[in-house]
Amino acid sequence: MRVLIIKTSSLGDVVHTLPALTDAARAIPGIRFDWVVEEGFAEIPAWHPAVSQVIPVAIRRWRKHPIATFKSGEWRRFKQRLGETRYDLVIDAQGLLKSAWLTRYVKAPVAGLDKDSAREPLASRFYDRQYAVVKNQHALERVRQLFAKALDYPLPSELGDYGLSRAAMAEGSSQPYLVFLHGTTWSSKHWPEDHWRTLAERMDALGWSVRLPWGNAAEKARAERIVHGLAHAVVLPKLNLAGVAKVIAGASACVAVDTGLGHLAAALDVPCISMYGPTLPGKVGAYGRSQIHLCAMGPGAGLGDRDKPCFEGLDADRVGLELEALLLAPPDSL
């Protein structure tokens, strides 16, 4: 059986789709998946053993430069590629109009969420098979349920398995280290820089090596300020997503704000403390057996404001104590 998945973005949403593939591969021997995903995240689906082809799409870039996209032939080549393979089913795992629109270019039955379940109800009009999935639950479990219904197999009761091999992806290191995932998109999701600095000083004093990745000039500058003068903390060189994944996979633990890289740490089964200010972890938090969620408690916490910082009650002392306890915990207890 050959199935095409439409799940273009974001990083966390792409990661949250992986356990559904593991479920399906265990239930249906021989099933293979192709996956349409934003070009910036194209490395991730290829890590799963049930994925045969990754088909990059550039909706974000194409929207900014539609004329150039048309003239370059990128859109035409993308549509042609969708028609090259015969599929038994297409699953739109995103439930948005932008993802549903892409299904028009594939000659196969299309499955997706019904109008009461999809994030954008109009998307359901593009689907031949519509399925109800309760909204008030974790996004990862919703995708697992959609796949189970669309492919007609019993939903496994155990914790979702991302299907990735941490050991195979980890880079070699002569000493244990921690990773601080300090970058995020919303300004309100940024944990205060002085908290990061205090936590780095605390772990440096304990002899822990700390590594900080970055994705743009502002993140690099912040990382350099956080580690300045510390003996065991370093700012990593510029890395692509696969390079960051290798660093995360080799870490003893991570500390993260609400960011896609935190979800990647969970997918790689790396113990991680994730901090939530304007958002809550119930529906979109890092999912896995070794994940700790710490939530702010001040005004504005959990209200979804993109601009107003709200990390009262979540300082470096609290995070440091949790991190030290996590590092002391036996592996089987995580």
Protein backbone atom coordinates (compact mmCIF):
# COMPACT_ATOMS: atom_id res chain seq x y z
CA MET A 1 0.00 0.00 0.00
CA ARG A 2 1.31 3.47 -0.92
CA VAL A 3 0.05 6.54 0.94
CA LEU A 4 0.81 10.22 0.40
CA ILE A 5 0.91 12.42 3.51
CA ILE A 6 0.28 16.15 3.34
CA LYS A 7 1.76 17.80 6.42
CA THR A 8 3.79 20.79 5.37
CA SER A 9 4.64 22.62 8.60
CA SER A 10 5.54 23.66 11.24
CA LEU A 11 8.53 21.84 12.77
CA GLY A 12 6.56 20.66 15.80
CA ASP A 13 3.57 19.61 13.69
CA VAL A 14 5.80 17.60 11.37
CA VAL A 15 7.44 15.85 14.34
CA HIS A 16 4.01 15.11 15.84
CA THR A 17 3.06 13.14 12.71
CA LEU A 18 5.86 10.58 13.03
CA PRO A 19 4.22 8.27 15.63
CA ALA A 20 1.20 7.81 13.35
CA LEU A 21 3.54 6.35 10.71
CA THR A 22 4.99 3.97 13.26
CA ASP A 23 1.49 2.82 14.23
CA ALA A 24 0.52 2.26 10.60
CA ALA A 25 3.73 0.42 9.70
CA ARG A 26 3.20 -2.01 12.58
CA ALA A 27 -0.46 -2.57 11.70
CA ILE A 28 -0.10 -2.86 7.91
CA PRO A 29 3.02 -4.78 6.80
CA GLY A 30 4.61 -3.33 3.70
CA ILE A 31 2.89 0.06 3.81
CA ARG A 32 5.01 2.90 2.44
CA PHE A 33 4.60 6.64 2.73
CA ASP A 34 5.58 9.62 0.64
CA TRP A 35 5.38 13.00 2.37
CA VAL A 36 4.76 16.54 1.13
CA VAL A 37 6.50 18.94 3.53
CA GLU A 38 7.89 22.49 3.56
CA GLU A 39 11.43 22.57 2.16
CA GLY A 40 12.87 23.78 5.48
CA PHE A 41 11.70 20.62 7.26
CA ALA A 42 12.34 18.14 4.44
CA GLU A 43 15.06 16.31 6.38
CA ILE A 44 12.70 15.11 9.12
CA PRO A 45 10.35 12.71 7.28
CA ALA A 46 13.33 10.95 5.70
CA TRP A 47 14.49 9.86 9.16
CA HIS A 48 11.47 7.58 9.55
CA PRO A 49 11.95 4.07 8.13
CA ALA A 50 8.43 3.91 6.62
CA VAL A 51 8.99 6.96 4.38
CA SER A 52 10.09 6.31 0.80
CA GLN A 53 10.04 9.76 -0.77
CA VAL A 54 10.02 13.29 0.62
CA ILE A 55 8.43 15.84 -1.70
CA PRO A 56 9.46 19.38 -0.70
CA VAL A 57 7.01 22.23 -1.15
CA ALA A 58 7.77 25.94 -0.70
CA ILE A 59 4.41 27.53 0.03
CA ARG A 60 5.93 30.11 2.38
CA ARG A 61 8.47 31.25 -0.20
CA TRP A 62 6.10 30.99 -3.16
CA ARG A 63 3.55 33.25 -1.47
CA LYS A 64 6.17 35.97 -1.18
CA HIS A 65 7.31 35.68 -4.80
CA PRO A 66 4.40 34.28 -6.88
CA ILE A 67 5.52 35.68 -10.23
CA ALA A 68 9.08 34.39 -9.85
CA THR A 69 7.70 31.01 -8.78
CA PHE A 70 5.54 30.78 -11.88
CA LYS A 71 8.32 31.86 -14.23
CA SER A 72 10.88 29.50 -12.69
CA GLY A 73 8.65 26.49 -13.28
CA GLU A 74 8.87 25.39 -9.64
CA TRP A 75 5.10 25.11 -9.22
CA ARG A 76 4.72 23.16 -12.46
CA ARG A 77 7.47 20.73 -11.49
CA PHE A 78 5.94 20.24 -8.06
CA LYS A 79 2.54 19.36 -9.55
CA GLN A 80 4.19 16.98 -12.00
CA ARG A 81 5.97 15.19 -9.19
CA LEU A 82 2.69 14.67 -7.33
CA GLY A 83 1.35 12.91 -10.40
CA GLU A 84 4.33 10.60 -10.93
CA THR A 85 3.34 8.00 -8.33
CA ARG A 86 0.11 6.06 -8.05
CA TYR A 87 -1.25 6.28 -4.51
CA ASP A 88 -3.89 4.20 -2.78
CA LEU A 89 -4.75 7.07 -0.44
CA VAL A 90 -3.85 10.66 0.39
CA ILE A 91 -4.03 11.78 4.03
CA ASP A 92 -4.17 15.49 4.74
CA ALA A 93 -2.83 15.47 8.29
CA GLN A 94 -2.86 19.26 8.57
CA GLY A 95 -6.51 20.18 8.14
CA LEU A 96 -5.86 23.60 6.60
CA LEU A 97 -6.99 25.07 3.29
CA LYS A 98 -3.38 25.35 2.10
CA SER A 99 -2.79 21.63 2.68
CA ALA A 100 -6.21 20.55 1.37
CA TRP A 101 -5.61 22.53 -1.85
CA LEU A 102 -2.51 20.44 -2.60
CA THR A 103 -4.60 17.25 -2.62
CA ARG A 104 -6.28 18.43 -5.84
CA TYR A 105 -3.19 17.44 -7.80
CA VAL A 106 -3.17 13.78 -6.76
CA LYS A 107 -5.42 11.18 -8.41
CA ALA A 108 -6.33 9.16 -5.33
CA PRO A 109 -8.99 9.18 -2.59
CA VAL A 110 -8.31 11.88 -0.01
CA ALA A 111 -8.84 11.41 3.72
CA GLY A 112 -8.90 14.11 6.36
CA LEU A 113 -10.67 15.56 9.34
CA ASP A 114 -14.36 16.43 9.15
CA LYS A 115 -15.56 20.03 9.44
CA ASP A 116 -15.99 19.81 13.21
CA SER A 117 -12.47 18.45 13.71
CA ALA A 118 -10.29 20.36 11.23
CA ARG A 119 -8.54 23.58 12.23
CA GLU A 120 -10.08 25.19 9.15
CA PRO A 121 -13.52 23.58 8.56
CA LEU A 122 -13.61 24.48 4.85
CA ALA A 123 -10.64 22.17 4.27
CA SER A 124 -12.93 19.17 4.78
CA ARG A 125 -14.71 19.95 1.49
CA PHE A 126 -11.66 18.67 -0.37
CA TYR A 127 -11.82 15.23 1.26
CA ASP A 128 -13.51 12.11 -0.06
CA ARG A 129 -13.37 10.51 3.39
CA GLN A 130 -13.93 12.63 6.46
CA TYR A 131 -13.25 11.52 10.02
CA ALA A 132 -14.21 12.93 13.39
CA VAL A 133 -11.38 13.32 15.89
CA VAL A 134 -11.97 15.02 19.23
CA LYS A 135 -10.19 18.39 19.43
CA ASN A 136 -9.59 18.60 23.18
CA GLN A 137 -6.51 16.37 23.29
CA HIS A 138 -2.85 16.42 22.34
CA ALA A 139 -2.20 17.17 18.66
CA LEU A 140 0.01 14.09 18.30
CA GLU A 141 -2.77 11.79 19.51
CA ARG A 142 -5.21 13.44 17.10
CA VAL A 143 -2.94 12.57 14.17
CA ARG A 144 -2.58 8.99 15.41
CA GLN A 145 -6.36 8.67 15.57
CA LEU A 146 -6.82 10.14 12.09
CA PHE A 147 -4.39 7.63 10.58
CA ALA A 148 -5.97 4.71 12.44
CA LYS A 149 -9.40 5.64 11.10
CA ALA A 150 -8.26 6.44 7.57
CA LEU A 151 -6.23 3.22 7.25
CA ASP A 152 -8.65 1.08 9.29
CA TYR A 153 -6.51 -0.43 12.05
CA PRO A 154 -6.97 -0.49 15.84
CA LEU A 155 -5.41 2.49 17.59
CA PRO A 156 -2.54 1.30 19.82
CA SER A 157 -3.00 2.11 23.49
CA GLU A 158 0.67 2.63 24.32
CA LEU A 159 2.61 5.89 24.17
CA GLY A 160 3.34 7.00 20.63
CA ASP A 161 6.66 5.92 19.13
CA TYR A 162 8.37 8.42 16.81
CA GLY A 163 10.29 5.64 15.05
CA LEU A 164 13.64 7.44 15.25
CA SER A 165 16.93 5.97 16.44
CA ARG A 166 18.65 8.29 18.90
CA ALA A 167 21.79 6.14 18.93
CA ALA A 168 22.09 6.20 15.13
CA MET A 169 21.68 9.98 14.92
CA ALA A 170 23.82 11.07 17.88
CA GLU A 171 27.22 12.57 17.22
CA GLY A 172 30.14 11.21 19.18
CA SER A 173 31.32 13.17 22.22
CA SER A 174 34.17 12.63 24.68
CA GLN A 175 32.13 14.03 27.57
CA PRO A 176 28.47 14.43 28.53
CA TYR A 177 26.83 17.73 27.67
CA LEU A 178 23.58 19.67 27.87
CA VAL A 179 21.83 21.64 25.15
CA PHE A 180 20.00 24.92 25.76
CA LEU A 181 17.31 25.46 23.10
CA HIS A 182 16.80 29.18 23.65
CA GLY A 183 15.45 30.26 20.24
CA THR A 184 11.78 30.62 19.39
CA THR A 185 9.52 32.68 17.14
CA TRP A 186 7.11 34.48 19.46
CA SER A 187 8.73 37.24 21.48
CA SER A 188 6.57 36.24 24.47
CA LYS A 189 7.96 32.68 24.43
CA HIS A 190 11.50 33.85 25.11
CA TRP A 191 12.65 32.97 28.62
CA PRO A 192 14.48 36.03 29.99
CA GLU A 193 18.12 36.11 28.95
CA ASP A 194 19.36 36.72 32.50
CA HIS A 195 17.63 33.48 33.53
CA TRP A 196 19.49 31.60 30.79
CA ARG A 197 22.75 33.16 31.97
CA THR A 198 22.12 32.22 35.60
CA LEU A 199 21.25 28.65 34.63
CA ALA A 200 24.38 28.42 32.44
CA GLU A 201 26.53 29.64 35.33
CA ARG A 202 24.95 27.08 37.64
CA MET A 203 25.58 24.16 35.31
CA ASP A 204 29.09 25.43 34.47
CA ALA A 205 29.94 25.46 38.17
CA LEU A 206 28.82 21.84 38.39
CA GLY A 207 31.20 20.94 35.55
CA TRP A 208 28.55 20.37 32.90
CA SER A 209 29.36 21.25 29.30
CA VAL A 210 26.58 23.31 27.75
CA ARG A 211 26.01 23.81 24.02
CA LEU A 212 23.81 26.47 22.44
CA PRO A 213 22.61 26.27 18.82
CA TRP A 214 21.27 29.29 16.96
CA GLY A 215 19.32 30.00 13.80
CA ASN A 216 19.80 33.71 13.10
CA ALA A 217 22.02 36.64 14.03
CA ALA A 218 19.91 37.68 17.04
CA GLU A 219 19.97 34.15 18.47
CA LYS A 220 23.71 33.89 17.93
CA ALA A 221 24.30 37.17 19.75
CA ARG A 222 22.11 36.08 22.65
CA ALA A 223 23.90 32.72 22.86
CA GLU A 224 27.28 34.47 22.97
CA ARG A 225 26.12 36.69 25.83
CA ILE A 226 24.77 33.68 27.75
CA VAL A 227 28.08 31.77 27.58
CA HIS A 228 30.50 34.70 27.85
CA GLY A 229 33.39 33.87 30.17
CA LEU A 230 32.11 30.42 31.14
CA ALA A 231 34.63 27.58 31.04
CA HIS A 232 32.33 24.80 29.83
CA ALA A 233 29.66 26.57 27.74
CA VAL A 234 30.02 27.06 23.98
CA VAL A 235 28.06 28.53 21.10
CA LEU A 236 27.79 26.00 18.27
CA PRO A 237 28.67 26.90 14.68
CA LYS A 238 25.88 27.45 12.18
CA LEU A 239 24.15 24.09 11.65
CA ASN A 240 21.37 22.81 9.44
CA LEU A 241 18.45 20.94 10.95
CA ALA A 242 20.17 17.56 10.63
CA GLY A 243 23.25 18.97 12.36
CA VAL A 244 21.22 20.32 15.27
CA ALA A 245 19.41 16.98 15.52
CA LYS A 246 22.75 15.19 15.91
CA VAL A 247 23.76 17.51 18.72
CA ILE A 248 20.41 17.08 20.48
CA ALA A 249 20.52 13.29 20.08
CA GLY A 250 23.90 13.12 21.82
CA ALA A 251 22.90 15.32 24.77
CA SER A 252 22.34 14.07 28.29
CA ALA A 253 19.43 16.51 28.56
CA CYS A 254 17.99 19.67 27.03
CA VAL A 255 16.34 22.79 28.36
CA ALA A 256 13.95 24.41 25.91
CA VAL A 257 11.37 27.11 25.50
CA ASP A 258 8.23 26.29 23.53
CA THR A 259 9.98 25.65 20.22
CA GLY A 260 10.06 23.08 17.45
CA LEU A 261 13.50 21.91 18.51
CA GLY A 262 12.04 20.97 21.88
CA HIS A 263 9.64 18.64 20.07
CA LEU A 264 12.60 17.22 18.17
CA ALA A 265 14.32 16.46 21.48
CA ALA A 266 11.20 14.59 22.58
CA ALA A 267 11.12 12.65 19.31
CA LEU A 268 14.73 11.59 19.89
CA ASP A 269 13.87 10.48 23.44
CA VAL A 270 16.25 12.99 24.98
CA PRO A 271 15.26 14.06 28.51
CA CYS A 272 14.10 17.64 28.26
CA ILE A 273 12.68 20.40 30.42
CA SER A 274 10.33 22.58 28.37
CA MET A 275 9.19 25.97 29.65
CA TYR A 276 5.79 27.42 28.85
CA GLY A 277 4.76 31.03 29.36
CA PRO A 278 2.06 32.24 26.95
CA THR A 279 1.21 28.69 25.88
CA LEU A 280 0.11 25.57 27.72
CA PRO A 281 1.51 22.07 27.10
CA GLY A 282 -1.76 20.13 27.23
CA LYS A 283 -2.46 20.08 23.48
CA VAL A 284 0.91 20.90 21.95
CA GLY A 285 3.54 20.23 24.61
CA ALA A 286 6.67 18.12 24.11
CA TYR A 287 5.39 14.53 24.03
CA GLY A 288 7.39 11.61 25.36
CA ARG A 289 8.41 9.53 28.33
CA SER A 290 11.27 11.80 29.43
CA GLN A 291 9.66 15.22 29.11
CA ILE A 292 9.10 17.68 31.95
CA HIS A 293 6.79 20.66 31.45
CA LEU A 294 7.26 23.76 33.60
CA CYS A 295 4.58 26.44 33.34
CA ALA A 296 4.71 30.08 34.35
CA MET A 297 2.10 31.22 36.85
CA GLY A 298 1.98 35.00 36.45
CA PRO A 299 -0.59 37.23 34.72
CA GLY A 300 -0.91 36.39 31.05
CA ALA A 301 0.46 32.87 31.40
CA GLY A 302 -1.27 30.46 29.05
CA LEU A 303 -3.32 33.16 27.31
CA GLY A 304 -1.56 32.96 23.94
CA ASP A 305 -0.31 36.54 23.72
CA ARG A 306 2.49 36.63 21.13
CA ASP A 307 4.15 39.78 22.44
CA LYS A 308 3.75 40.10 26.22
CA PRO A 309 6.38 38.23 28.29
CA CYS A 310 4.80 36.18 31.08
CA PHE A 311 7.39 33.99 32.82
CA GLU A 312 6.70 35.02 36.40
CA GLY A 313 7.31 32.16 38.80
CA LEU A 314 9.62 30.33 36.40
CA ASP A 315 13.11 31.49 37.27
CA ALA A 316 16.56 29.93 36.95
CA ASP A 317 16.49 28.46 40.46
CA ARG A 318 13.33 26.49 39.75
CA VAL A 319 14.56 25.27 36.38
CA GLY A 320 18.01 24.47 37.78
CA LEU A 321 16.60 22.30 40.55
CA GLU A 322 14.42 20.42 38.06
CA LEU A 323 17.36 19.95 35.71
CA GLU A 324 19.64 18.61 38.43
CA ALA A 325 16.93 16.16 39.54
CA LEU A 326 16.43 15.06 35.92
CA LEU A 327 20.14 14.39 35.50
CA LEU A 328 20.24 12.33 38.70
CA ALA A 329 17.20 10.23 37.85
CA PRO A 330 17.82 6.61 36.79
CA PRO A 331 17.10 6.13 33.06
CA ASP A 332 14.27 3.68 33.74
CA SER A 333 12.44 6.25 35.85
CA LEU A 334 12.19 8.85 33.11
